[in-house]
C-alpha atoms as a PDB file:
ATOM      1  CA  MET A   1     -57.149 -30.827   6.686  1.00  0.00           C
ATOM      2  CA  SER A   2     -60.077 -29.225   5.467  1.00  0.00           C
ATOM      3  CA  THR A   3     -63.817 -29.704   5.261  1.00  0.00           C
ATOM      4  CA  ILE A   4     -66.353 -28.956   2.673  1.00  0.00           C
ATOM      5  CA  TYR A   5     -70.136 -28.465   4.321  1.00  0.00           C
ATOM      6  CA  TYR A   6     -73.039 -29.236   2.085  1.00  0.00           C
ATOM      7  CA  PRO A   7     -76.405 -27.532   2.209  1.00  0.00           C
ATOM      8  CA  ASP A   8     -78.146 -30.630   2.742  1.00  0.00           C
ATOM      9  CA  GLY A   9     -75.744 -30.976   6.049  1.00  0.00           C
ATOM     10  CA  ARG A  10     -73.012 -33.549   4.855  1.00  0.00           C
ATOM     11  CA  GLU A  11     -69.384 -32.929   5.315  1.00  0.00           C
ATOM     12  CA  GLU A  12     -66.728 -33.771   3.302  1.00  0.00           C
ATOM     13  CA  GLU A  13     -62.876 -33.774   4.906  1.00  0.00           C
ATOM     14  CA  VAL A  14     -60.435 -32.637   1.618  1.00  0.00           C
ATOM     15  CA  GLN A  15     -57.144 -31.709   1.517  1.00  0.00           C
ATOM     16  CA  PRO A  16     -55.322 -29.621  -1.950  1.00  0.00           C
ATOM     17  CA  ALA A  17     -53.859 -31.626  -4.721  1.00  0.00           C
ATOM     18  CA  ASN A  18     -50.870 -30.694  -4.097  1.00  0.00           C
ATOM     19  CA  GLY A  19     -50.746 -31.381  -0.553  1.00  0.00           C
ATOM     20  CA  THR A  20     -50.597 -27.886   0.815  1.00  0.00           C
ATOM     21  CA  ASP A  21     -52.804 -25.257  -0.858  1.00  0.00           C
ATOM     22  CA  PHE A  22     -55.877 -25.185  -2.895  1.00  0.00           C
ATOM     23  CA  SER A  23     -55.915 -23.624  -6.309  1.00  0.00           C
ATOM     24  CA  VAL A  24     -58.102 -21.032  -7.886  1.00  0.00           C
ATOM     25  CA  GLN A  25     -59.582 -23.859  -9.976  1.00  0.00           C
ATOM     26  CA  GLU A  26     -59.995 -26.466  -7.128  1.00  0.00           C
ATOM     27  CA  LEU A  27     -61.490 -23.977  -4.679  1.00  0.00           C
ATOM     28  CA  THR A  28     -64.330 -22.873  -7.713  1.00  0.00           C
ATOM     29  CA  ASN A  29     -65.188 -26.192  -8.358  1.00  0.00           C
ATOM     30  CA  ILE A  30     -65.660 -27.104  -4.935  1.00  0.00           C
ATOM     31  CA  VAL A  31     -68.284 -23.766  -4.016  1.00  0.00           C
ATOM     32  CA  GLY A  32     -69.200 -23.799  -7.262  1.00  0.00           C
ATOM     33  CA  GLY A  33     -68.994 -20.355  -8.671  1.00  0.00           C
ATOM     34  CA  HIS A  34     -67.042 -16.996  -7.650  1.00  0.00           C
ATOM     35  CA  LEU A  35     -65.125 -17.238  -4.899  1.00  0.00           C
ATOM     36  CA  GLU A  36     -65.715 -15.112  -1.706  1.00  0.00           C
ATOM     37  CA  PHE A  37     -63.736 -15.395   1.699  1.00  0.00           C
ATOM     38  CA  ILE A  38     -64.881 -14.979   4.824  1.00  0.00           C
ATOM     39  CA  ASN A  39     -63.354 -15.447   8.646  1.00  0.00           C
ATOM     40  CA  THR A  40     -64.582 -18.069  10.664  1.00  0.00           C
ATOM     41  CA  ARG A  41     -65.051 -17.205  14.164  1.00  0.00           C
ATOM     42  CA  ASP A  42     -62.087 -19.477  15.042  1.00  0.00           C
ATOM     43  CA  GLY A  43     -59.718 -18.160  12.834  1.00  0.00           C
ATOM     44  CA  ARG A  44     -60.027 -20.362   9.639  1.00  0.00           C
ATOM     45  CA  LEU A  45     -61.314 -19.512   5.817  1.00  0.00           C
ATOM     46  CA  ARG A  46     -64.905 -20.152   4.692  1.00  0.00           C
ATOM     47  CA  ILE A  47     -65.127 -20.214   0.938  1.00  0.00           C
ATOM     48  CA  ILE A  48     -68.253 -19.398  -0.646  1.00  0.00           C
ATOM     49  CA  ASP A  49     -70.069 -18.614  -3.940  1.00  0.00           C
ATOM     50  CA  GLU A  50     -70.151 -14.679  -4.024  1.00  0.00           C
ATOM     51  CA  HIS A  51     -73.201 -15.053  -6.269  1.00  0.00           C
ATOM     52  CA  GLY A  52     -75.033 -17.577  -4.194  1.00  0.00           C
ATOM     53  CA  LYS A  53     -78.100 -16.120  -3.165  1.00  0.00           C
ATOM     54  CA  SER A  54     -78.548 -14.370  -6.066  1.00  0.00           C
ATOM     55  CA  ASN A  55     -78.512 -18.079  -7.874  1.00  0.00           C
ATOM     56  CA  GLN A  56     -80.763 -19.416  -4.934  1.00  0.00           C
ATOM     57  CA  LYS A  57     -78.366 -21.722  -4.012  1.00  0.00           C
ATOM     58  CA  PRO A  58     -79.921 -23.687  -0.795  1.00  0.00           C
ATOM     59  CA  TYR A  59     -79.229 -22.501   2.778  1.00  0.00           C
ATOM     60  CA  ASN A  60     -76.227 -23.707   4.753  1.00  0.00           C
ATOM     61  CA  ALA A  61     -76.932 -23.831   8.222  1.00  0.00           C
ATOM     62  CA  LYS A  62     -73.815 -25.294   9.476  1.00  0.00           C
ATOM     63  CA  ALA A  63     -71.541 -23.010   7.242  1.00  0.00           C
ATOM     64  CA  THR A  64     -73.568 -20.121   8.692  1.00  0.00           C
ATOM     65  CA  ALA A  65     -73.267 -21.281  12.425  1.00  0.00           C
ATOM     66  CA  LEU A  66     -69.341 -21.080  11.488  1.00  0.00           C
ATOM     67  CA  ALA A  67     -68.729 -17.595   9.905  1.00  0.00           C
ATOM     68  CA  ASP A  68     -67.940 -14.379  11.551  1.00  0.00           C
ATOM     69  CA  ILE A  69     -71.377 -12.913  10.731  1.00  0.00           C
ATOM     70  CA  SER A  70     -72.656 -10.130  12.863  1.00  0.00           C
ATOM     71  CA  SER A  71     -75.842 -10.749  13.952  1.00  0.00           C
ATOM     72  CA  ALA A  72     -78.709  -7.954  13.223  1.00  0.00           C
ATOM     73  CA  ASN A  73     -78.433  -6.793  16.938  1.00  0.00           C
ATOM     74  CA  GLU A  74     -74.812  -6.706  16.385  1.00  0.00           C
ATOM     75  CA  ARG A  75     -75.075  -4.363  13.581  1.00  0.00           C
ATOM     76  CA  ALA A  76     -77.789  -1.982  14.902  1.00  0.00           C
ATOM     77  CA  GLN A  77     -75.671  -1.507  17.972  1.00  0.00           C
ATOM     78  CA  ALA A  78     -72.283  -0.417  15.740  1.00  0.00           C
ATOM     79  CA  ILE A  79     -74.531   1.828  13.746  1.00  0.00           C
ATOM     80  CA  ALA A  80     -75.959   3.369  16.716  1.00  0.00           C
ATOM     81  CA  ASP A  81     -72.424   4.135  17.977  1.00  0.00           C
ATOM     82  CA  PHE A  82     -71.265   5.539  14.692  1.00  0.00           C
ATOM     83  CA  GLN A  83     -74.243   7.566  14.780  1.00  0.00           C
ATOM     84  CA  LYS A  84     -73.478   9.330  18.186  1.00  0.00           C
ATOM     85  CA  LEU A  85     -70.433  10.238  16.323  1.00  0.00           C
ATOM     86  CA  SER A  86     -71.946  11.952  13.875  1.00  0.00           C
ATOM     87  CA  ILE A  87     -70.847   9.335  11.533  1.00  0.00           C
ATOM     88  CA  ARG A  88     -73.611   8.602   9.065  1.00  0.00           C
ATOM     89  CA  VAL A  89     -73.970   4.881   7.893  1.00  0.00           C
ATOM     90  CA  ILE A  90     -75.010   4.219   4.518  1.00  0.00           C
ATOM     91  CA  GLY A  91     -77.210   1.232   3.483  1.00  0.00           C
ATOM     92  CA  SER A  92     -77.831   0.819   7.540  1.00  0.00           C
ATOM     93  CA  GLN A  93     -81.551   0.047   6.863  1.00  0.00           C
ATOM     94  CA  ASP A  94     -81.452  -3.376   6.012  1.00  0.00           C
ATOM     95  CA  MET A  95     -80.820  -5.445   9.205  1.00  0.00           C
ATOM     96  CA  ALA A  96     -81.951  -8.796   8.427  1.00  0.00           C
ATOM     97  CA  GLU A  97     -79.922 -11.566   9.696  1.00  0.00           C
ATOM     98  CA  ASP A  98     -77.000 -12.829   7.149  1.00  0.00           C
ATOM     99  CA  PHE A  99     -76.836 -16.168   6.341  1.00  0.00           C
ATOM    100  CA  ILE A 100     -74.451 -18.848   4.144  1.00  0.00           C
ATOM    101  CA  VAL A 101     -75.959 -20.601   1.048  1.00  0.00           C
ATOM    102  CA  GLY A 102     -74.834 -23.341  -0.884  1.00  0.00           C
ATOM    103  CA  THR A 103     -71.425 -25.328  -0.738  1.00  0.00           C
ATOM    104  CA  ALA A 104     -68.870 -23.759   1.566  1.00  0.00           C
ATOM    105  CA  LEU A 105     -65.104 -25.191   2.336  1.00  0.00           C
ATOM    106  CA  VAL A 106     -63.464 -24.067   5.559  1.00  0.00           C
ATOM    107  CA  CYS A 107     -59.917 -24.444   5.216  1.00  0.00           C
ATOM    108  CA  GLY A 108     -56.705 -23.084   7.274  1.00  0.00           C
ATOM    109  CA  GLN A 109     -55.337 -19.321   5.883  1.00  0.00           C
ATOM    110  CA  LYS A 110     -52.297 -21.132   4.816  1.00  0.00           C
ATOM    111  CA  GLU A 111     -54.172 -23.735   2.991  1.00  0.00           C
ATOM    112  CA  VAL A 112     -55.049 -20.330   0.258  1.00  0.00           C
ATOM    113  CA  LYS A 113     -52.298 -18.428  -1.697  1.00  0.00           C
END
């Protein structure tokens, strides 16, 4: 079973129309935009609108908590480790915390083909 996480905190259990895997159209209808796939900390997939931030969709606290997003401190440490190896990291100036916006679907890897 998959779960839709709405920005207002609501959750809804859903399953693919065919009973096994979501179609691209189903995923697009759920998240309301271009599809972006993010691994969750427990090995599932989170599907969101790739352009949600630029479209100013609302912050989704539950989706953010479940996503496997590195913290600003984790990113800073990784950059420092690369720099010690004389590896230049492009775009390393932005250390703001990342987050999820808009409606998100969390499902198993096998539910998306």
